[in-house]
mmCIF file of all heavy atoms, coordinates in Angstrom:
data_MODEL
# 
_entry.id   MODEL 
# 
loop_
_atom_site.group_PDB 
_atom_site.id 
_atom_site.type_symbol 
_atom_site.label_atom_id 
_atom_site.label_alt_id 
_atom_site.label_comp_id 
_atom_site.label_asym_id 
_atom_site.label_entity_id 
_atom_site.label_seq_id 
_atom_site.pdbx_PDB_ins_code 
_atom_site.Cartn_x 
_atom_site.Cartn_y 
_atom_site.Cartn_z 
_atom_site.occupancy 
_atom_site.B_iso_or_equiv 
_atom_site.pdbx_formal_charge 
_atom_site.auth_seq_id 
_atom_site.auth_comp_id 
_atom_site.auth_asym_id 
_atom_site.auth_atom_id 
_atom_site.pdbx_PDB_model_num 
ATOM 1   N N   . ARG A 1 1  ? 91.234  86.429  97.317  1.00 0.00 ? 1  ARG A N   1 
ATOM 2   C CA  . ARG A 1 1  ? 91.310  85.417  96.247  1.00 0.00 ? 1  ARG A CA  1 
ATOM 3   C C   . ARG A 1 1  ? 91.115  84.025  96.793  1.00 0.00 ? 1  ARG A C   1 
ATOM 4   O O   . ARG A 1 1  ? 90.742  83.101  96.062  1.00 0.00 ? 1  ARG A O   1 
ATOM 5   C CB  . ARG A 1 1  ? 92.668  85.500  95.541  1.00 0.00 ? 1  ARG A CB  1 
ATOM 6   C CG  . ARG A 1 1  ? 92.856  86.805  94.741  1.00 0.00 ? 1  ARG A CG  1 
ATOM 7   C CD  . ARG A 1 1  ? 94.078  86.755  93.824  1.00 0.00 ? 1  ARG A CD  1 
ATOM 8   N NE  . ARG A 1 1  ? 95.346  86.734  94.542  1.00 0.00 ? 1  ARG A NE  1 
ATOM 9   C CZ  . ARG A 1 1  ? 95.974  87.838  94.958  1.00 0.00 ? 1  ARG A CZ  1 
ATOM 10  N NH1 . ARG A 1 1  ? 95.448  89.039  94.721  1.00 0.00 ? 1  ARG A NH1 1 
ATOM 11  N NH2 . ARG A 1 1  ? 97.135  87.747  95.602  1.00 0.00 ? 1  ARG A NH2 1 
ATOM 12  N N   . ALA A 1 2  ? 91.345  83.838  98.091  1.00 0.00 ? 2  ALA A N   1 
ATOM 13  C CA  . ALA A 1 2  ? 91.136  82.541  98.762  1.00 0.00 ? 2  ALA A CA  1 
ATOM 14  C C   . ALA A 1 2  ? 89.748  82.454  99.398  1.00 0.00 ? 2  ALA A C   1 
ATOM 15  O O   . ALA A 1 2  ? 89.514  81.619  100.268 1.00 0.00 ? 2  ALA A O   1 
ATOM 16  C CB  . ALA A 1 2  ? 92.214  82.318  99.814  1.00 0.00 ? 2  ALA A CB  1 
ATOM 17  N N   . SER A 1 3  ? 88.842  83.338  98.982  1.00 0.00 ? 3  SER A N   1 
ATOM 18  C CA  . SER A 1 3  ? 87.433  83.334  99.395  1.00 0.00 ? 3  SER A CA  1 
ATOM 19  C C   . SER A 1 3  ? 87.208  83.782  100.836 1.00 0.00 ? 3  SER A C   1 
ATOM 20  O O   . SER A 1 3  ? 86.233  83.406  101.466 1.00 0.00 ? 3  SER A O   1 
ATOM 21  C CB  . SER A 1 3  ? 86.817  81.938  99.186  1.00 0.00 ? 3  SER A CB  1 
ATOM 22  O OG  . SER A 1 3  ? 86.870  81.560  97.835  1.00 0.00 ? 3  SER A OG  1 
ATOM 23  N N   . VAL A 1 4  ? 88.099  84.604  101.339 1.00 0.00 ? 4  VAL A N   1 
ATOM 24  C CA  . VAL A 1 4  ? 87.881  85.306  102.618 1.00 0.00 ? 4  VAL A CA  1 
ATOM 25  C C   . VAL A 1 4  ? 87.455  86.706  102.253 1.00 0.00 ? 4  VAL A C   1 
ATOM 26  O O   . VAL A 1 4  ? 88.265  87.515  101.776 1.00 0.00 ? 4  VAL A O   1 
ATOM 27  C CB  . VAL A 1 4  ? 89.157  85.337  103.498 1.00 0.00 ? 4  VAL A CB  1 
ATOM 28  C CG1 . VAL A 1 4  ? 88.900  86.154  104.756 1.00 0.00 ? 4  VAL A CG1 1 
ATOM 29  C CG2 . VAL A 1 4  ? 89.584  83.915  103.841 1.00 0.00 ? 4  VAL A CG2 1 
ATOM 30  N N   . PRO A 1 5  ? 86.175  87.065  102.428 1.00 0.00 ? 5  PRO A N   1 
ATOM 31  C CA  . PRO A 1 5  ? 85.669  88.323  101.867 1.00 0.00 ? 5  PRO A CA  1 
ATOM 32  C C   . PRO A 1 5  ? 86.043  89.599  102.591 1.00 0.00 ? 5  PRO A C   1 
ATOM 33  O O   . PRO A 1 5  ? 86.148  90.658  102.014 1.00 0.00 ? 5  PRO A O   1 
ATOM 34  C CB  . PRO A 1 5  ? 84.142  88.114  101.886 1.00 0.00 ? 5  PRO A CB  1 
ATOM 35  C CG  . PRO A 1 5  ? 83.927  87.172  103.018 1.00 0.00 ? 5  PRO A CG  1 
ATOM 36  C CD  . PRO A 1 5  ? 85.101  86.266  103.069 1.00 0.00 ? 5  PRO A CD  1 
ATOM 37  N N   . THR A 1 6  ? 86.206  89.499  103.921 1.00 0.00 ? 6  THR A N   1 
ATOM 38  C CA  . THR A 1 6  ? 86.362  90.721  104.737 1.00 0.00 ? 6  THR A CA  1 
ATOM 39  C C   . THR A 1 6  ? 87.420  90.493  105.813 1.00 0.00 ? 6  THR A C   1 
ATOM 40  O O   . THR A 1 6  ? 87.347  89.504  106.535 1.00 0.00 ? 6  THR A O   1 
ATOM 41  C CB  . THR A 1 6  ? 85.020  91.079  105.408 1.00 0.00 ? 6  THR A CB  1 
ATOM 42  O OG1 . THR A 1 6  ? 83.976  91.073  104.437 1.00 0.00 ? 6  THR A OG1 1 
ATOM 43  C CG2 . THR A 1 6  ? 85.094  92.448  106.048 1.00 0.00 ? 6  THR A CG2 1 
ATOM 44  N N   . VAL A 1 7  ? 88.356  91.440  105.920 1.00 0.00 ? 7  VAL A N   1 
ATOM 45  C CA  . VAL A 1 7  ? 89.437  91.324  106.900 1.00 0.00 ? 7  VAL A CA  1 
ATOM 46  C C   . VAL A 1 7  ? 89.517  92.631  107.679 1.00 0.00 ? 7  VAL A C   1 
ATOM 47  O O   . VAL A 1 7  ? 89.480  93.717  107.106 1.00 0.00 ? 7  VAL A O   1 
ATOM 48  C CB  . VAL A 1 7  ? 90.786  91.027  106.219 1.00 0.00 ? 7  VAL A CB  1 
ATOM 49  C CG1 . VAL A 1 7  ? 91.904  90.925  107.251 1.00 0.00 ? 7  VAL A CG1 1 
ATOM 50  C CG2 . VAL A 1 7  ? 90.702  89.750  105.381 1.00 0.00 ? 7  VAL A CG2 1 
ATOM 51  N N   . GLY A 1 8  ? 89.663  92.528  108.990 1.00 0.00 ? 8  GLY A N   1 
ATOM 52  C CA  . GLY A 1 8  ? 89.792  93.699  109.838 1.00 0.00 ? 8  GLY A CA  1 
ATOM 53  C C   . GLY A 1 8  ? 91.215  93.872  110.344 1.00 0.00 ? 8  GLY A C   1 
ATOM 54  O O   . GLY A 1 8  ? 91.892  92.882  110.656 1.00 0.00 ? 8  GLY A O   1 
ATOM 55  N N   . VAL A 1 9  ? 91.695  95.096  110.410 1.00 0.00 ? 9  VAL A N   1 
ATOM 56  C CA  . VAL A 1 9  ? 93.030  95.403  110.918 1.00 0.00 ? 9  VAL A CA  1 
ATOM 57  C C   . VAL A 1 9  ? 92.897  96.572  111.900 1.00 0.00 ? 9  VAL A C   1 
ATOM 58  O O   . VAL A 1 9  ? 92.306  97.606  111.573 1.00 0.00 ? 9  VAL A O   1 
ATOM 59  C CB  . VAL A 1 9  ? 94.027  95.768  109.799 1.00 0.00 ? 9  VAL A CB  1 
ATOM 60  C CG1 . VAL A 1 9  ? 95.414  95.969  110.374 1.00 0.00 ? 9  VAL A CG1 1 
ATOM 61  C CG2 . VAL A 1 9  ? 94.045  94.670  108.716 1.00 0.00 ? 9  VAL A CG2 1 
ATOM 62  N N   . PHE A 1 10 ? 93.482  96.402  113.086 1.00 0.00 ? 10 PHE A N   1 
ATOM 63  C CA  . PHE A 1 10 ? 93.290  97.371  114.163 1.00 0.00 ? 10 PHE A CA  1 
ATOM 64  C C   . PHE A 1 10 ? 94.595  97.643  114.895 1.00 0.00 ? 10 PHE A C   1 
ATOM 65  O O   . PHE A 1 10 ? 95.485  96.798  114.943 1.00 0.00 ? 10 PHE A O   1 
ATOM 66  C CB  . PHE A 1 10 ? 92.246  96.855  115.143 1.00 0.00 ? 10 PHE A CB  1 
ATOM 67  C CG  . PHE A 1 10 ? 91.043  96.233  114.520 1.00 0.00 ? 10 PHE A CG  1 
ATOM 68  C CD1 . PHE A 1 10 ? 90.989  94.851  114.304 1.00 0.00 ? 10 PHE A CD1 1 
ATOM 69  C CD2 . PHE A 1 10 ? 89.991  97.021  114.077 1.00 0.00 ? 10 PHE A CD2 1 
ATOM 70  C CE1 . PHE A 1 10 ? 89.875  94.279  113.686 1.00 0.00 ? 10 PHE A CE1 1 
ATOM 71  C CE2 . PHE A 1 10 ? 88.886  96.440  113.474 1.00 0.00 ? 10 PHE A CE2 1 
ATOM 72  C CZ  . PHE A 1 10 ? 88.831  95.074  113.248 1.00 0.00 ? 10 PHE A CZ  1 
ATOM 73  N N   . LYS A 1 11 ? 94.661  98.841  115.508 1.00 0.00 ? 11 LYS A N   1 
ATOM 74  C CA  . LYS A 1 11 ? 95.822  99.221  116.319 1.00 0.00 ? 11 LYS A CA  1 
ATOM 75  C C   . LYS A 1 11 ? 95.322  99.790  117.645 1.00 0.00 ? 11 LYS A C   1 
ATOM 76  O O   . LYS A 1 11 ? 94.256  100.396 117.696 1.00 0.00 ? 11 LYS A O   1 
ATOM 77  C CB  . LYS A 1 11 ? 96.679  100.249 115.579 1.00 0.00 ? 11 LYS A CB  1 
ATOM 78  C CG  . LYS A 1 11 ? 97.287  99.725  114.273 1.00 0.00 ? 11 LYS A CG  1 
ATOM 79  C CD  . LYS A 1 11 ? 98.159  100.738 113.597 1.00 0.00 ? 11 LYS A CD  1 
ATOM 80  C CE  . LYS A 1 11 ? 98.748  100.205 112.301 1.00 0.00 ? 11 LYS A CE  1 
ATOM 81  N NZ  . LYS A 1 11 ? 99.614  101.196 111.608 1.00 0.00 ? 11 LYS A NZ  1 
ATOM 82  N N   . PRO A 1 12 ? 96.111  99.608  118.721 1.00 0.00 ? 12 PRO A N   1 
ATOM 83  C CA  . PRO A 1 12 ? 95.701  100.134 120.026 1.00 0.00 ? 12 PRO A CA  1 
ATOM 84  C C   . PRO A 1 12 ? 95.541  101.644 119.995 1.00 0.00 ? 12 PRO A C   1 
ATOM 85  O O   . PRO A 1 12 ? 96.204  102.337 119.207 1.00 0.00 ? 12 PRO A O   1 
ATOM 86  C CB  . PRO A 1 12 ? 96.853  99.725  120.957 1.00 0.00 ? 12 PRO A CB  1 
ATOM 87  C CG  . PRO A 1 12 ? 97.505  98.560  120.258 1.00 0.00 ? 12 PRO A CG  1 
ATOM 88  C CD  . PRO A 1 12 ? 97.360  98.828  118.796 1.00 0.00 ? 12 PRO A CD  1 
ATOM 89  N N   . VAL A 1 13 ? 94.664  102.153 120.844 1.00 0.00 ? 13 VAL A N   1 
ATOM 90  C CA  . VAL A 1 13 ? 94.468  103.609 120.945 1.00 0.00 ? 13 VAL A CA  1 
ATOM 91  C C   . VAL A 1 13 ? 95.731  104.232 121.548 1.00 0.00 ? 13 VAL A C   1 
ATOM 92  O O   . VAL A 1 13 ? 96.564  103.552 122.164 1.00 0.00 ? 13 VAL A O   1 
ATOM 93  C CB  . VAL A 1 13 ? 93.239  103.950 121.819 1.00 0.00 ? 13 VAL A CB  1 
ATOM 94  C CG1 . VAL A 1 13 ? 91.973  103.423 121.194 1.00 0.00 ? 13 VAL A CG1 1 
ATOM 95  C CG2 . VAL A 1 13 ? 93.404  103.387 123.242 1.00 0.00 ? 13 VAL A CG2 1 
ATOM 96  N N   . GLU A 1 14 ? 95.855  105.531 121.368 1.00 0.00 ? 14 GLU A N   1 
ATOM 97  C CA  . GLU A 1 14 ? 97.063  106.265 121.753 1.00 0.00 ? 14 GLU A CA  1 
ATOM 98  C C   . GLU A 1 14 ? 97.402  106.140 123.250 1.00 0.00 ? 14 GLU A C   1 
ATOM 99  O O   . GLU A 1 14 ? 98.588  106.175 123.634 1.00 0.00 ? 14 GLU A O   1 
ATOM 100 C CB  . GLU A 1 14 ? 96.932  107.737 121.381 1.00 0.00 ? 14 GLU A CB  1 
ATOM 101 C CG  . GLU A 1 14 ? 96.846  107.995 119.869 1.00 0.00 ? 14 GLU A CG  1 
ATOM 102 C CD  . GLU A 1 14 ? 95.442  107.751 119.304 1.00 0.00 ? 14 GLU A CD  1 
ATOM 103 O OE1 . GLU A 1 14 ? 94.535  107.302 120.063 1.00 0.00 ? 14 GLU A OE1 1 
ATOM 104 O OE2 . GLU A 1 14 ? 95.245  107.994 118.099 1.00 0.00 ? 14 GLU A OE2 1 
ATOM 105 N N   . SER A 1 15 ? 96.383  106.002 124.088 1.00 0.00 ? 15 SER A N   1 
ATOM 106 C CA  . SER A 1 15 ? 96.619  105.946 125.532 1.00 0.00 ? 15 SER A CA  1 
ATOM 107 C C   . SER A 1 15 ? 97.014  104.557 126.022 1.00 0.00 ? 15 SER A C   1 
ATOM 108 O O   . SER A 1 15 ? 97.400  104.386 127.198 1.00 0.00 ? 15 SER A O   1 
ATOM 109 C CB  . SER A 1 15 ? 95.343  106.390 126.280 1.00 0.00 ? 15 SER A CB  1 
ATOM 110 O OG  . SER A 1 15 ? 94.236  105.574 125.911 1.00 0.00 ? 15 SER A OG  1 
ATOM 111 N N   . ASP A 1 16 ? 96.951  103.559 125.169 1.00 0.00 ? 16 ASP A N   1 
ATOM 112 C CA  . ASP A 1 16 ? 97.303  102.177 125.561 1.00 0.00 ? 16 ASP A CA  1 
ATOM 113 C C   . ASP A 1 16 ? 98.799  102.016 125.637 1.00 0.00 ? 16 ASP A C   1 
ATOM 114 O O   . ASP A 1 16 ? 99.557  102.587 124.846 1.00 0.00 ? 16 ASP A O   1 
ATOM 115 C CB  . ASP A 1 16 ? 96.709  101.192 124.559 1.00 0.00 ? 16 ASP A CB  1 
ATOM 116 C CG  . ASP A 1 16 ? 96.719  99.762  125.075 1.00 0.00 ? 16 ASP A CG  1 
ATOM 117 O OD1 . ASP A 1 16 ? 97.810  99.144  125.046 1.00 0.00 ? 16 ASP A OD1 1 
ATOM 118 O OD2 . ASP A 1 16 ? 95.679  99.275  125.506 1.00 0.00 ? 16 ASP A OD2 1 
ATOM 119 N N   . SER A 1 17 ? 99.271  101.176 126.566 1.00 0.00 ? 17 SER A N   1 
ATOM 120 C CA  . SER A 1 17 ? 100.712 100.948 126.745 1.00 0.00 ? 17 SER A CA  1 
ATOM 121 C C   . SER A 1 17 ? 101.318 100.228 125.533 1.00 0.00 ? 17 SER A C   1 
ATOM 122 O O   . SER A 1 17 ? 102.542 100.266 125.353 1.00 0.00 ? 17 SER A O   1 
ATOM 123 C CB  . SER A 1 17 ? 100.954 100.141 128.013 1.00 0.00 ? 17 SER A CB  1 
ATOM 124 O OG  . SER A 1 17 ? 100.328 98.861  127.941 1.00 0.00 ? 17 SER A OG  1 
ATOM 125 N N   . THR A 1 18 ? 100.474 99.569  124.734 1.00 0.00 ? 18 THR A N   1 
ATOM 126 C CA  . THR A 1 18 ? 100.999 98.864  123.538 1.00 0.00 ? 18 THR A CA  1 
ATOM 127 C C   . THR A 1 18 ? 100.848 99.692  122.265 1.00 0.00 ? 18 THR A C   1 
ATOM 128 O O   . THR A 1 18 ? 101.099 99.166  121.178 1.00 0.00 ? 18 THR A O   1 
ATOM 129 C CB  . THR A 1 18 ? 100.243 97.529  123.354 1.00 0.00 ? 18 THR A CB  1 
ATOM 130 O OG1 . THR A 1 18 ? 98.856  97.779  123.124 1.00 0.00 ? 18 THR A OG1 1 
ATOM 131 C CG2 . THR A 1 18 ? 100.417 96.633  124.583 1.00 0.00 ? 18 THR A CG2 1 
ATOM 132 N N   . TYR A 1 19 ? 100.445 100.961 122.407 1.00 0.00 ? 19 TYR A N   1 
ATOM 133 C CA  . TYR A 1 19 ? 100.331 101.813 121.233 1.00 0.00 ? 19 TYR A CA  1 
ATOM 134 C C   . TYR A 1 19 ? 101.706 101.912 120.524 1.00 0.00 ? 19 TYR A C   1 
ATOM 135 O O   . TYR A 1 19 ? 102.745 102.099 121.164 1.00 0.00 ? 19 TYR A O   1 
ATOM 136 C CB  . TYR A 1 19 ? 99.885  103.217 121.639 1.00 0.00 ? 19 TYR A CB  1 
ATOM 137 C CG  . TYR A 1 19 ? 99.850  104.207 120.499 1.00 0.00 ? 19 TYR A CG  1 
ATOM 138 C CD1 . TYR A 1 19 ? 98.896  104.121 119.495 1.00 0.00 ? 19 TYR A CD1 1 
ATOM 139 C CD2 . TYR A 1 19 ? 100.798 105.234 120.428 1.00 0.00 ? 19 TYR A CD2 1 
ATOM 140 C CE1 . TYR A 1 19 ? 98.867  105.041 118.443 1.00 0.00 ? 19 TYR A CE1 1 
ATOM 141 C CE2 . TYR A 1 19 ? 100.782 106.155 119.393 1.00 0.00 ? 19 TYR A CE2 1 
ATOM 142 C CZ  . TYR A 1 19 ? 99.815  106.044 118.399 1.00 0.00 ? 19 TYR A CZ  1 
ATOM 143 O OH  . TYR A 1 19 ? 99.785  106.935 117.356 1.00 0.00 ? 19 TYR A OH  1 
ATOM 144 N N   . GLY A 1 20 ? 101.666 101.752 119.197 1.00 0.00 ? 20 GLY A N   1 
ATOM 145 C CA  . GLY A 1 20 ? 102.915 101.772 118.440 1.00 0.00 ? 20 GLY A CA  1 
ATOM 146 C C   . GLY A 1 20 ? 103.734 100.513 118.570 1.00 0.00 ? 20 GLY A C   1 
ATOM 147 O O   . GLY A 1 20 ? 104.904 100.478 118.152 1.00 0.00 ? 20 GLY A O   1 
ATOM 148 N N   . LYS A 1 21 ? 103.100 99.428  119.118 1.00 0.00 ? 21 LYS A N   1 
ATOM 149 C CA  . LYS A 1 21 ? 103.825 98.192  119.309 1.00 0.00 ? 21 LYS A CA  1 
ATOM 150 C C   . LYS A 1 21 ? 103.099 96.964  118.813 1.00 0.00 ? 21 LYS A C   1 
ATOM 151 O O   . LYS A 1 21 ? 103.684 95.877  118.704 1.00 0.00 ? 21 LYS A O   1 
ATOM 152 C CB  . LYS A 1 21 ? 104.126 97.984  120.817 1.00 0.00 ? 21 LYS A CB  1 
ATOM 153 C CG  . LYS A 1 21 ? 104.981 99.069  121.442 1.00 0.00 ? 21 LYS A CG  1 
ATOM 154 C CD  . LYS A 1 21 ? 105.137 98.839  122.941 1.00 0.00 ? 21 LYS A CD  1 
ATOM 155 C CE  . LYS A 1 21 ? 105.945 99.959  123.578 1.00 0.00 ? 21 LYS A CE  1 
ATOM 156 N NZ  . LYS A 1 21 ? 106.052 99.787  125.065 1.00 0.00 ? 21 LYS A NZ  1 
ATOM 157 N N   . ARG A 1 22 ? 101.805 97.111  118.488 1.00 0.00 ? 22 ARG A N   1 
ATOM 158 C CA  . ARG A 1 22 ? 101.024 95.926  118.079 1.00 0.00 ? 22 ARG A CA  1 
ATOM 159 C C   . ARG A 1 22 ? 100.039 96.285  116.941 1.00 0.00 ? 22 ARG A C   1 
ATOM 160 O O   . ARG A 1 22 ? 99.580  97.396  116.833 1.00 0.00 ? 22 ARG A O   1 
ATOM 161 C CB  . ARG A 1 22 ? 100.221 95.364  119.252 1.00 0.00 ? 22 ARG A CB  1 
ATOM 162 C CG  . ARG A 1 22 ? 101.044 94.711  120.319 1.00 0.00 ? 22 ARG A CG  1 
ATOM 163 C CD  . ARG A 1 22 ? 100.154 94.074  121.376 1.00 0.00 ? 22 ARG A CD  1 
ATOM 164 N NE  . ARG A 1 22 ? 100.930 93.522  122.452 1.00 0.00 ? 22 ARG A NE  1 
ATOM 165 C CZ  . ARG A 1 22 ? 100.389 92.973  123.539 1.00 0.00 ? 22 ARG A CZ  1 
ATOM 166 N NH1 . ARG A 1 22 ? 99.090  92.923  123.681 1.00 0.00 ? 22 ARG A NH1 1 
ATOM 167 N NH2 . ARG A 1 22 ? 101.192 92.489  124.491 1.00 0.00 ? 22 ARG A NH2 1 
ATOM 168 N N   . ILE A 1 23 ? 99.777  95.272  116.135 1.00 0.00 ? 23 ILE A N   1 
ATOM 169 C CA  . ILE A 1 23 ? 98.725  95.320  115.114 1.00 0.00 ? 23 ILE A CA  1 
ATOM 170 C C   . ILE A 1 23 ? 97.899  94.051  115.259 1.00 0.00 ? 23 ILE A C   1 
ATOM 171 O O   . ILE A 1 23 ? 98.439  92.952  115.377 1.00 0.00 ? 23 ILE A O   1 
ATOM 172 C CB  . ILE A 1 23 ? 99.307  95.408  113.693 1.00 0.00 ? 23 ILE A CB  1 
ATOM 173 C CG1 . ILE A 1 23 ? 100.048 96.728  113.477 1.00 0.00 ? 23 ILE A CG1 1 
ATOM 174 C CG2 . ILE A 1 23 ? 98.198  95.251  112.644 1.00 0.00 ? 23 ILE A CG2 1 
ATOM 175 C CD1 . ILE A 1 23 ? 100.721 96.868  112.131 1.00 0.00 ? 23 ILE A CD1 1 
ATOM 176 N N   . TYR A 1 24 ? 96.564  94.219  115.249 1.00 0.00 ? 24 TYR A N   1 
ATOM 177 C CA  . TYR A 1 24 ? 95.634  93.091  115.371 1.00 0.00 ? 24 TYR A CA  1 
ATOM 178 C C   . TYR A 1 24 ? 94.929  92.874  114.029 1.00 0.00 ? 24 TYR A C   1 
ATOM 179 O O   . TYR A 1 24 ? 94.449  93.820  113.409 1.00 0.00 ? 24 TYR A O   1 
ATOM 180 C CB  . TYR A 1 24 ? 94.563  93.388  116.440 1.00 0.00 ? 24 TYR A CB  1 
ATOM 181 C CG  . TYR A 1 24 ? 95.135  93.455  117.851 1.00 0.00 ? 24 TYR A CG  1 
ATOM 182 C CD1 . TYR A 1 24 ? 95.832  94.607  118.286 1.00 0.00 ? 24 TYR A CD1 1 
ATOM 183 C CD2 . TYR A 1 24 ? 94.960  92.394  118.734 1.00 0.00 ? 24 TYR A CD2 1 
ATOM 184 C CE1 . TYR A 1 24 ? 96.340  94.657  119.598 1.00 0.00 ? 24 TYR A CE1 1 
ATOM 185 C CE2 . TYR A 1 24 ? 95.456  92.463  120.022 1.00 0.00 ? 24 TYR A CE2 1 
ATOM 186 C CZ  . TYR A 1 24 ? 96.149  93.577  120.443 1.00 0.00 ? 24 TYR A CZ  1 
ATOM 187 O OH  . TYR A 1 24 ? 96.661  93.670  121.717 1.00 0.00 ? 24 TYR A OH  1 
ATOM 188 N N   . VAL A 1 25 ? 94.889  91.622  113.602 1.00 0.00 ? 25 VAL A N   1 
ATOM 189 C CA  . VAL A 1 25 ? 94.222  91.276  112.342 1.00 0.00 ? 25 VAL A CA  1 
ATOM 190 C C   . VAL A 1 25 ? 93.124  90.248  112.629 1.00 0.00 ? 25 VAL A C   1 
ATOM 191 O O   . VAL A 1 25 ? 93.377  89.240  113.305 1.00 0.00 ? 25 VAL A O   1 
ATOM 192 C CB  . VAL A 1 25 ? 95.220  90.680  111.326 1.00 0.00 ? 25 VAL A CB  1 
ATOM 193 C CG1 . VAL A 1 25 ? 94.541  90.421  109.977 1.00 0.00 ? 25 VAL A CG1 1 
ATOM 194 C CG2 . VAL A 1 25 ? 96.433  91.625  111.150 1.00 0.00 ? 25 VAL A CG2 1 
ATOM 195 N N   . LEU A 1 26 ? 91.922  90.511  112.154 1.00 0.00 ? 26 LEU A N   1 
ATOM 196 C CA  . LEU A 1 26 ? 90.789  89.608  112.321 1.00 0.00 ? 26 LEU A CA  1 
ATOM 197 C C   . LEU A 1 26 ? 90.435  88.997  110.972 1.00 0.00 ? 26 LEU A C   1 
ATOM 198 O O   . LEU A 1 26 ? 90.029  89.700  110.032 1.00 0.00 ? 26 LEU A O   1 
ATOM 199 C CB  . LEU A 1 26 ? 89.576  90.369  112.894 1.00 0.00 ? 26 LEU A CB  1 
ATOM 200 C CG  . LEU A 1 26 ? 88.265  89.581  113.033 1.00 0.00 ? 26 LEU A CG  1 
ATOM 201 C CD1 . LEU A 1 26 ? 88.433  88.383  113.959 1.00 0.00 ? 26 LEU A CD1 1 
ATOM 202 C CD2 . LEU A 1 26 ? 87.160  90.511  113.542 1.00 0.00 ? 26 LEU A CD2 1 
ATOM 203 N N   . ILE A 1 27 ? 90.591  87.667  110.878 1.00 0.00 ? 27 ILE A N   1 
ATOM 204 C CA  . ILE A 1 27 ? 90.361  86.945  109.617 1.00 0.00 ? 27 ILE A CA  1 
ATOM 205 C C   . ILE A 1 27 ? 89.231  85.926  109.842 1.00 0.00 ? 27 ILE A C   1 
ATOM 206 O O   . ILE A 1 27 ? 89.382  85.007  110.649 1.00 0.00 ? 27 ILE A O   1 
ATOM 207 C CB  . ILE A 1 27 ? 91.611  86.220  109.140 1.00 0.00 ? 27 ILE A CB  1 
ATOM 208 C CG1 . ILE A 1 27 ? 92.808  87.161  109.069 1.00 0.00 ? 27 ILE A CG1 1 
ATOM 209 C CG2 . ILE A 1 27 ? 91.377  85.570  107.772 1.00 0.00 ? 27 ILE A CG2 1 
ATOM 210 C CD1 . ILE A 1 27 ? 94.142  86.500  108.786 1.00 0.00 ? 27 ILE A CD1 1 
# 
């Protein structure tokens, strides 16, 4: 609604030490 058309959301792969601990958002 604020004219940002596309947003990405990602999580570390299972083998990463931060798996289950981080979420990445690309705006």
